[in-house]
């Protein structure tokens, strides 16, 4: 049995839909804009701050005002991305009637703005003044529930909170549901908003780049750039997709998860050897060897420790001269699901331009990201995502029919 991707919907700083993201990836352009500091949250630092923001007006054509008013920004992003994914997969309402459809969405931060508003109410007016409306949208799984409610879906509903690995972990969970027969379709992906408090906290922890992109794998990288947005994929078994004549964007050869026990609660560890063993064994179980991988979509984002761990892992598993390494977070930013959408586009043969921000190879890492030259369409794509705190997730995607 094979699991296939038949639809994709994405919303981010580059706009709504895959065409806008594909154009940005082809040009190597990052859409982050300068952010005015918020005194209560940001540090007194004088350097500029950047954020890949979603224009709320871009969501208006896809949500009626009455529906939109009931939702936090992450829920609106997730519902729009899910609607786009269902439309891309050619799924009408009748495809869901009487069928179990899983929703598995990842998030690093959840609905931060609504949580702050709820806590402000409690602080200023006491617990009796807490709004049930705000509470319902302040929990991390609110957006997954709203996606299910919007399409009246019945089936497993899960939210994965694994920081940078949340998106791929959510895909792995959806694959597991399909393989075990717990559902007939799965909507999987990731969503995040970046509220001023979130941005300020990341800045104070020293996680953010001083520029608009994170300079992935570069010797002078100094942190990652952040973005908000959402990406949702439609997963289904190949026999189900074939029976309804669906277009196959890509096949999920395997979805793996692991953990780095050397990581602290707040940053990346040094467990490249342990993670490499997990990945190699996972490839082996899927009947793959490292030599079968002809493209890598890396989660490298400009983090000093995160990119180091990612590079050492890739070199350990794929050798000192791995296949072409794409680092789409230099375009999409960290968080918001853009990385997942870019990975699927890579498997469909989309063009990738030069990596923005990259200037020189880090001698310890020994990896140079894609320089923009034309690439042949990949047959087998390894997608890698390592998270602060130790979580790890990988996908192996194979080219579909698109």
Protein backbone atom coordinates (compact mmCIF):
# COMPACT_ATOMS: atom_id res chain seq x y z
CA UNK A 1 0.00 0.00 0.00
CA UNK A 2 1.26 3.47 -0.92
CA UNK A 3 0.27 6.85 0.53
CA UNK A 4 0.02 9.70 -1.97
CA UNK A 5 -0.35 13.47 -1.83
CA UNK A 6 -3.21 14.64 -4.03
CA UNK A 7 -3.70 18.24 -2.95
CA UNK A 8 -1.84 21.15 -1.42
CA UNK A 9 -2.98 24.49 -0.03
CA UNK A 10 -0.66 27.11 1.35
CA UNK A 11 -0.92 30.63 2.76
CA UNK A 12 2.08 32.70 3.75
CA UNK A 13 3.94 35.98 3.39
CA UNK A 14 4.29 35.36 -0.34
CA UNK A 15 0.52 35.20 -0.80
CA UNK A 16 -2.27 32.66 -1.08
CA UNK A 17 -1.78 29.49 -3.11
CA UNK A 18 1.16 27.48 -4.42
CA UNK A 19 1.75 29.66 -7.49
CA UNK A 20 2.92 32.59 -5.37
CA UNK A 21 5.23 30.40 -3.29
CA UNK A 22 6.60 28.62 -6.36
CA UNK A 23 7.45 31.98 -7.94
CA UNK A 24 9.30 33.08 -4.78
CA UNK A 25 11.25 29.82 -4.62
CA UNK A 26 12.20 30.12 -8.29
CA UNK A 27 13.42 33.69 -7.79
CA UNK A 28 15.03 33.07 -4.42
CA UNK A 29 13.15 35.97 -2.83
CA UNK A 30 12.24 36.29 0.85
CA UNK A 31 9.08 38.29 1.62
CA UNK A 32 9.98 39.27 5.18
CA UNK A 33 9.45 42.93 6.02
CA UNK A 34 10.84 45.10 8.78
CA UNK A 35 8.89 44.97 12.03
CA UNK A 36 8.45 47.89 14.38
CA UNK A 37 9.61 46.88 17.88
CA UNK A 38 7.02 46.55 20.63
CA UNK A 39 8.53 47.98 23.86
CA UNK A 40 6.88 45.48 26.19
CA UNK A 41 8.22 42.51 24.24
CA UNK A 42 11.32 43.36 22.22
CA UNK A 43 14.78 44.05 23.56
CA UNK A 44 16.29 47.56 23.36
CA UNK A 45 18.57 46.42 20.52
CA UNK A 46 18.94 48.90 17.67
CA UNK A 47 19.24 46.38 14.85
CA UNK A 48 16.25 45.93 12.51
CA UNK A 49 13.73 43.15 13.04
CA UNK A 50 12.04 41.14 10.31
CA UNK A 51 8.92 39.02 10.02
CA UNK A 52 7.22 37.20 7.17
CA UNK A 53 3.66 38.39 7.72
CA UNK A 54 0.39 37.28 6.15
CA UNK A 55 -1.81 40.05 4.84
CA UNK A 56 -5.21 39.42 6.49
CA UNK A 57 -6.92 41.01 3.48
CA UNK A 58 -5.61 38.16 1.33
CA UNK A 59 -7.78 35.74 3.33
CA UNK A 60 -11.00 37.72 2.82
CA UNK A 61 -11.95 36.19 -0.56
CA UNK A 62 -11.72 32.72 0.98
CA UNK A 63 -13.70 33.28 4.21
CA UNK A 64 -17.02 35.02 4.74
CA UNK A 65 -16.97 37.66 7.52
CA UNK A 66 -19.31 35.74 9.81
CA UNK A 67 -17.04 32.68 9.74
CA UNK A 68 -13.88 34.75 10.06
CA UNK A 69 -15.10 36.60 13.18
CA UNK A 70 -15.29 33.34 15.13
CA UNK A 71 -11.66 32.42 14.51
CA UNK A 72 -8.19 33.37 15.64
CA UNK A 73 -5.64 34.08 12.94
CA UNK A 74 -4.15 30.55 13.03
CA UNK A 75 -7.61 29.04 12.61
CA UNK A 76 -8.35 31.31 9.66
CA UNK A 77 -5.02 30.43 8.08
CA UNK A 78 -5.60 26.70 8.59
CA UNK A 79 -9.16 26.74 7.26
CA UNK A 80 -8.17 28.66 4.12
CA UNK A 81 -5.20 26.34 3.49
CA UNK A 82 -7.43 23.29 3.99
CA UNK A 83 -10.06 24.65 1.59
CA UNK A 84 -7.35 25.27 -1.02
CA UNK A 85 -5.96 21.76 -0.50
CA UNK A 86 -9.36 20.12 -0.88
CA UNK A 87 -10.03 22.10 -4.06
CA UNK A 88 -6.59 21.22 -5.43
CA UNK A 89 -7.31 17.54 -4.78
CA UNK A 90 -10.69 17.77 -6.53
CA UNK A 91 -12.59 16.85 -3.37
CA UNK A 92 -16.22 17.90 -3.15
CA UNK A 93 -18.42 17.72 -0.06
CA UNK A 94 -19.81 14.32 -1.07
CA UNK A 95 -16.33 12.78 -0.79
CA UNK A 96 -16.49 13.30 2.98
CA UNK A 97 -20.01 12.04 3.66
CA UNK A 98 -19.94 8.86 5.72
CA UNK A 99 -16.14 8.62 5.60
CA UNK A 100 -13.54 9.02 8.31
CA UNK A 101 -11.24 11.93 7.50
CA UNK A 102 -8.33 12.66 9.82
CA UNK A 103 -6.96 16.13 10.55
CA UNK A 104 -3.35 16.30 11.80
CA UNK A 105 -1.84 19.76 12.08
CA UNK A 106 1.42 20.84 13.63
CA UNK A 107 2.12 24.13 15.36
CA UNK A 108 5.06 25.57 17.24
CA UNK A 109 3.19 28.28 19.15
CA UNK A 110 -0.57 27.93 18.70
CA UNK A 111 -2.96 30.93 18.83
CA UNK A 112 -0.75 33.32 20.78
CA UNK A 113 -2.71 36.54 20.26
CA UNK A 114 -5.99 35.13 21.55
CA UNK A 115 -4.20 33.61 24.54
CA UNK A 116 -2.71 36.99 25.43
CA UNK A 117 -6.12 38.65 25.12
CA UNK A 118 -7.68 36.03 27.39
CA UNK A 119 -4.99 36.42 30.02
CA UNK A 120 -5.33 40.20 29.86
CA UNK A 121 -9.05 39.86 30.58
CA UNK A 122 -8.39 37.65 33.61
CA UNK A 123 -5.67 39.97 34.90
CA UNK A 124 -7.67 43.17 34.48
CA UNK A 125 -11.19 42.03 35.42
CA UNK A 126 -10.81 38.72 37.21
CA UNK A 127 -11.48 35.12 36.14
CA UNK A 128 -15.24 35.69 35.93
CA UNK A 129 -14.66 38.01 32.97
CA UNK A 130 -12.83 35.38 30.91
CA UNK A 131 -14.44 35.09 27.49
CA UNK A 132 -15.49 31.54 26.48
CA UNK A 133 -15.02 32.65 22.87
CA UNK A 134 -11.38 33.59 23.48
CA UNK A 135 -10.78 30.44 25.52
CA UNK A 136 -12.01 28.17 22.71
CA UNK A 137 -9.46 29.74 20.38
CA UNK A 138 -6.59 29.93 22.86
CA UNK A 139 -5.73 26.21 22.88
CA UNK A 140 -3.15 24.69 20.55
CA UNK A 141 -5.63 22.33 18.86
CA UNK A 142 -8.20 25.02 18.01
CA UNK A 143 -7.14 25.29 14.37
CA UNK A 144 -7.37 21.53 13.77
CA UNK A 145 -10.87 21.55 15.25
CA UNK A 146 -11.91 24.47 13.06
CA UNK A 147 -10.69 22.66 9.93
CA UNK A 148 -12.85 19.66 10.86
CA UNK A 149 -15.87 21.82 11.68
CA UNK A 150 -15.55 23.79 8.45
CA UNK A 151 -15.84 20.67 6.29
CA UNK A 152 -17.94 18.64 8.77
CA UNK A 153 -15.24 15.99 8.98
CA UNK A 154 -15.53 12.90 11.13
CA UNK A 155 -12.35 11.09 12.11
CA UNK A 156 -9.20 11.38 14.22
CA UNK A 157 -8.17 14.94 15.04
CA UNK A 158 -4.66 15.60 16.30
CA UNK A 159 -2.36 18.53 16.93
CA UNK A 160 1.40 18.02 17.02
CA UNK A 161 3.57 20.49 18.96
CA UNK A 162 7.18 19.65 18.15
CA UNK A 163 8.63 23.07 17.37
CA UNK A 164 10.52 23.06 14.06
CA UNK A 165 9.63 19.39 13.43
CA UNK A 166 5.87 19.92 13.87
CA UNK A 167 4.97 19.94 10.16
CA UNK A 168 6.73 16.71 9.21
CA UNK A 169 5.59 15.04 12.43
CA UNK A 170 1.98 15.88 11.54
CA UNK A 171 2.44 14.31 8.11
CA UNK A 172 3.89 11.21 9.75
CA UNK A 173 0.86 11.00 12.05
CA UNK A 174 -1.51 11.25 9.10
CA UNK A 175 0.40 8.52 7.25
CA UNK A 176 0.10 6.33 10.35
CA UNK A 177 -3.68 6.85 10.51
CA UNK A 178 -4.07 5.93 6.85
CA UNK A 179 -1.81 2.89 7.05
CA UNK A 180 -3.69 1.53 10.07
CA UNK A 181 -7.09 2.03 8.43
CA UNK A 182 -8.27 4.61 10.97
CA UNK A 183 -9.25 7.00 8.18
CA UNK A 184 -9.78 7.11 4.42
CA UNK A 185 -8.37 10.59 3.87
CA UNK A 186 -6.12 12.82 5.94
CA UNK A 187 -5.60 16.57 5.96
CA UNK A 188 -2.13 17.21 7.36
CA UNK A 189 0.16 20.21 7.67
CA UNK A 190 1.19 23.07 9.92
CA UNK A 191 0.08 26.53 10.96
CA UNK A 192 1.57 29.36 13.01
CA UNK A 193 1.06 33.01 13.77
CA UNK A 194 3.93 35.15 15.00
CA UNK A 195 2.52 37.61 17.52
CA UNK A 196 4.69 40.45 18.90
CA UNK A 197 5.20 38.53 22.14
CA UNK A 198 6.43 35.46 20.24
CA UNK A 199 8.74 37.51 18.07
CA UNK A 200 10.07 39.38 21.09
CA UNK A 201 10.68 36.19 23.07
CA UNK A 202 12.59 34.60 20.19
CA UNK A 203 14.66 37.77 19.86
CA UNK A 204 15.52 37.82 23.56
CA UNK A 205 16.60 34.18 23.38
CA UNK A 206 18.97 35.13 20.55
CA UNK A 207 17.23 32.89 18.02
CA UNK A 208 16.53 35.45 15.29
CA UNK A 209 18.66 36.55 12.38
CA UNK A 210 19.69 40.18 12.10
CA UNK A 211 18.66 40.13 8.43
CA UNK A 212 15.47 39.34 6.49
CA UNK A 213 16.59 35.75 5.78
CA UNK A 214 18.43 33.24 7.91
CA UNK A 215 21.54 32.61 5.77
CA UNK A 216 21.03 28.84 5.92
CA UNK A 217 24.28 26.82 6.28
CA UNK A 218 26.37 29.98 5.88
CA UNK A 219 29.56 30.41 7.87
CA UNK A 220 28.29 33.74 9.25
CA UNK A 221 24.71 32.66 10.02
CA UNK A 222 23.35 34.27 13.16
CA UNK A 223 19.82 32.92 13.58
CA UNK A 224 16.67 32.23 11.61
CA UNK A 225 13.96 34.45 10.16
CA UNK A 226 10.37 33.73 11.18
CA UNK A 227 7.14 33.66 9.21
CA UNK A 228 3.49 32.99 9.84
CA UNK A 229 1.21 31.00 7.58
CA UNK A 230 -0.31 27.58 7.00
CA UNK A 231 0.10 24.62 4.68
CA UNK A 232 -2.29 21.68 4.39
CA UNK A 233 -1.83 18.54 2.29
CA UNK A 234 -4.39 15.93 1.27
CA UNK A 235 -3.13 12.40 1.89
CA UNK A 236 -4.90 9.26 0.73
CA UNK A 237 -4.13 5.68 -0.14
CA UNK A 238 -3.12 5.16 -3.74
CA UNK A 239 -6.04 2.82 -4.46
CA UNK A 240 -8.51 5.43 -3.20
CA UNK A 241 -6.88 8.15 -5.28
CA UNK A 242 -6.83 5.93 -8.35
CA UNK A 243 -10.49 4.99 -7.92
CA UNK A 244 -11.59 8.62 -8.05
CA UNK A 245 -9.14 9.59 -10.81
CA UNK A 246 -7.14 11.95 -8.63
CA UNK A 247 -3.88 13.54 -9.75
CA UNK A 248 -0.91 12.37 -7.68
CA UNK A 249 1.50 15.16 -6.77
CA UNK A 250 3.94 12.92 -4.89
CA UNK A 251 4.16 9.59 -3.11
CA UNK A 252 5.17 9.29 0.53
CA UNK A 253 7.67 6.44 0.48
CA UNK A 254 8.21 6.67 4.23
CA UNK A 255 7.65 9.05 7.16
CA UNK A 256 10.01 8.78 10.11
CA UNK A 257 10.33 10.30 13.55
CA UNK A 258 13.21 10.32 16.01
CA UNK A 259 14.70 12.08 18.98
CA UNK A 260 18.08 13.48 19.96
CA UNK A 261 18.63 12.64 23.66
CA UNK A 262 21.57 15.06 23.87
CA UNK A 263 19.35 18.10 23.26
CA UNK A 264 18.34 20.39 26.08
CA UNK A 265 14.79 21.64 26.45
CA UNK A 266 15.61 24.88 24.63
CA UNK A 267 18.08 24.15 21.85
CA UNK A 268 19.60 21.56 19.54
CA UNK A 269 21.95 18.86 20.77
CA UNK A 270 24.98 17.07 19.34
CA UNK A 271 23.38 13.73 18.54
CA UNK A 272 24.08 13.54 14.81
CA UNK A 273 25.31 9.96 15.18
CA UNK A 274 22.19 8.79 17.01
CA UNK A 275 19.87 10.60 14.60
CA UNK A 276 21.83 9.25 11.64
CA UNK A 277 21.31 5.70 12.86
CA UNK A 278 17.57 6.32 13.24
CA UNK A 279 17.36 7.70 9.71
CA UNK A 280 19.45 4.93 8.13
CA UNK A 281 17.37 2.22 9.81
CA UNK A 282 14.18 3.95 8.70
CA UNK A 283 15.39 4.08 5.11
CA UNK A 284 16.35 0.43 5.32
CA UNK A 285 12.88 -0.57 6.54
CA UNK A 286 11.42 1.29 3.55
CA UNK A 287 13.69 -0.64 1.17
CA UNK A 288 15.86 2.39 0.45
CA UNK A 289 19.57 3.05 0.57
CA UNK A 290 21.16 6.48 0.94
CA UNK A 291 22.27 6.18 -2.69
CA UNK A 292 18.60 6.27 -3.74
CA UNK A 293 18.26 9.88 -2.51
CA UNK A 294 18.84 12.34 -5.35
CA UNK A 295 17.58 15.55 -3.71
CA UNK A 296 17.55 16.87 -0.13
CA UNK A 297 15.11 19.44 1.22
CA UNK A 298 16.85 20.52 4.39
CA UNK A 299 15.34 22.23 7.40
CA UNK A 300 18.49 24.33 7.80
CA UNK A 301 17.35 27.87 8.59
CA UNK A 302 20.35 29.87 9.78
CA UNK A 303 20.44 28.66 13.39
CA UNK A 304 24.01 28.18 14.58
CA UNK A 305 23.39 24.91 16.41
CA UNK A 306 20.45 23.69 14.35
CA UNK A 307 22.22 24.01 11.00
CA UNK A 308 25.33 22.36 12.43
CA UNK A 309 23.35 19.33 13.60
CA UNK A 310 21.47 19.15 10.29
CA UNK A 311 24.66 19.29 8.20
CA UNK A 312 26.51 16.70 10.27
CA UNK A 313 23.51 14.37 10.10
CA UNK A 314 23.20 14.69 6.32
CA UNK A 315 26.90 14.09 5.77
CA UNK A 316 26.85 11.08 8.07
CA UNK A 317 23.96 9.44 6.22
CA UNK A 318 24.58 10.62 2.64
CA UNK A 319 28.35 11.07 2.66
CA UNK A 320 30.55 14.13 2.27
CA UNK A 321 29.13 14.92 -1.17
CA UNK A 322 25.35 14.59 -0.79
CA UNK A 323 22.97 15.35 -3.67
CA UNK A 324 21.71 18.88 -4.25
CA UNK A 325 20.61 20.43 -0.96
CA UNK A 326 17.66 22.83 -1.04
CA UNK A 327 17.13 25.10 1.96
CA UNK A 328 13.71 26.68 1.34
CA UNK A 329 13.49 28.25 4.80
CA UNK A 330 15.84 30.93 3.43
CA UNK A 331 12.79 31.92 1.34
CA UNK A 332 9.82 30.83 3.46
CA UNK A 333 11.23 31.59 6.90
CA UNK A 334 10.94 29.33 9.92
CA UNK A 335 7.47 28.15 11.01
CA UNK A 336 4.16 28.71 9.23
CA UNK A 337 4.23 25.60 7.03
CA UNK A 338 6.02 27.13 4.05
CA UNK A 339 8.85 24.60 4.36
CA UNK A 340 6.41 21.69 3.96
CA UNK A 341 4.82 23.24 0.88
CA UNK A 342 8.27 23.85 -0.63
CA UNK A 343 9.22 20.21 -0.02
CA UNK A 344 6.21 18.95 -1.95
CA UNK A 345 6.92 21.43 -4.75
CA UNK A 346 10.47 20.08 -4.92
CA UNK A 347 9.08 16.59 -5.48
CA UNK A 348 6.84 17.87 -8.27
CA UNK A 349 9.81 19.33 -10.15
CA UNK A 350 9.38 23.03 -9.28
CA UNK A 351 12.30 25.35 -9.98
CA UNK A 352 14.45 26.60 -7.10
CA UNK A 353 16.55 29.73 -7.48
CA UNK A 354 19.70 30.68 -5.57
CA UNK A 355 19.61 30.45 -1.78
CA UNK A 356 19.14 34.01 -0.45
CA UNK A 357 21.66 35.14 2.13
CA UNK A 358 24.24 32.43 1.49
CA UNK A 359 27.77 33.69 0.94
CA UNK A 360 30.39 31.23 2.18
CA UNK A 361 30.66 27.59 3.21
CA UNK A 362 31.13 26.84 6.89
CA UNK A 363 34.26 24.62 6.99
CA UNK A 364 32.82 22.52 9.81
CA UNK A 365 29.57 21.89 7.96
CA UNK A 366 31.05 21.42 4.51
CA UNK A 367 27.71 21.90 2.75
CA UNK A 368 26.81 24.42 0.07
CA UNK A 369 23.08 24.94 -0.53
CA UNK A 370 21.64 25.11 -4.04
CA UNK A 371 23.10 27.95 -6.09
CA UNK A 372 20.18 28.37 -8.51
CA UNK A 373 21.43 26.37 -11.46
CA UNK A 374 18.78 24.29 -13.28
CA UNK A 375 18.19 20.88 -11.73
CA UNK A 376 16.80 17.71 -13.25
CA UNK A 377 13.56 16.57 -11.70
CA UNK A 378 14.27 14.48 -8.63
CA UNK A 379 13.00 10.94 -8.31
CA UNK A 380 13.48 10.51 -4.56
CA UNK A 381 13.54 13.47 -2.16
CA UNK A 382 14.63 13.34 1.47
CA UNK A 383 12.96 16.02 3.61
CA UNK A 384 14.66 16.65 6.95
CA UNK A 385 13.54 18.65 9.98
CA UNK A 386 15.34 18.76 13.34
CA UNK A 387 13.84 20.72 16.22
CA UNK A 388 15.20 22.50 19.25
CA UNK A 389 14.42 20.24 22.19
CA UNK A 390 15.39 17.06 20.33
CA UNK A 391 12.47 16.13 18.09
CA UNK A 392 13.29 14.98 14.55
CA UNK A 393 11.18 14.02 11.55
CA UNK A 394 11.89 12.99 7.97
CA UNK A 395 9.90 12.26 4.85
CA UNK A 396 10.97 10.51 1.69
CA UNK A 397 8.87 11.72 -1.24
CA UNK A 398 8.84 10.22 -4.71
CA UNK A 399 7.83 12.06 -7.83
CA UNK A 400 4.17 11.67 -8.72
CA UNK A 401 2.31 12.27 -11.96
CA UNK A 402 2.05 16.07 -11.85
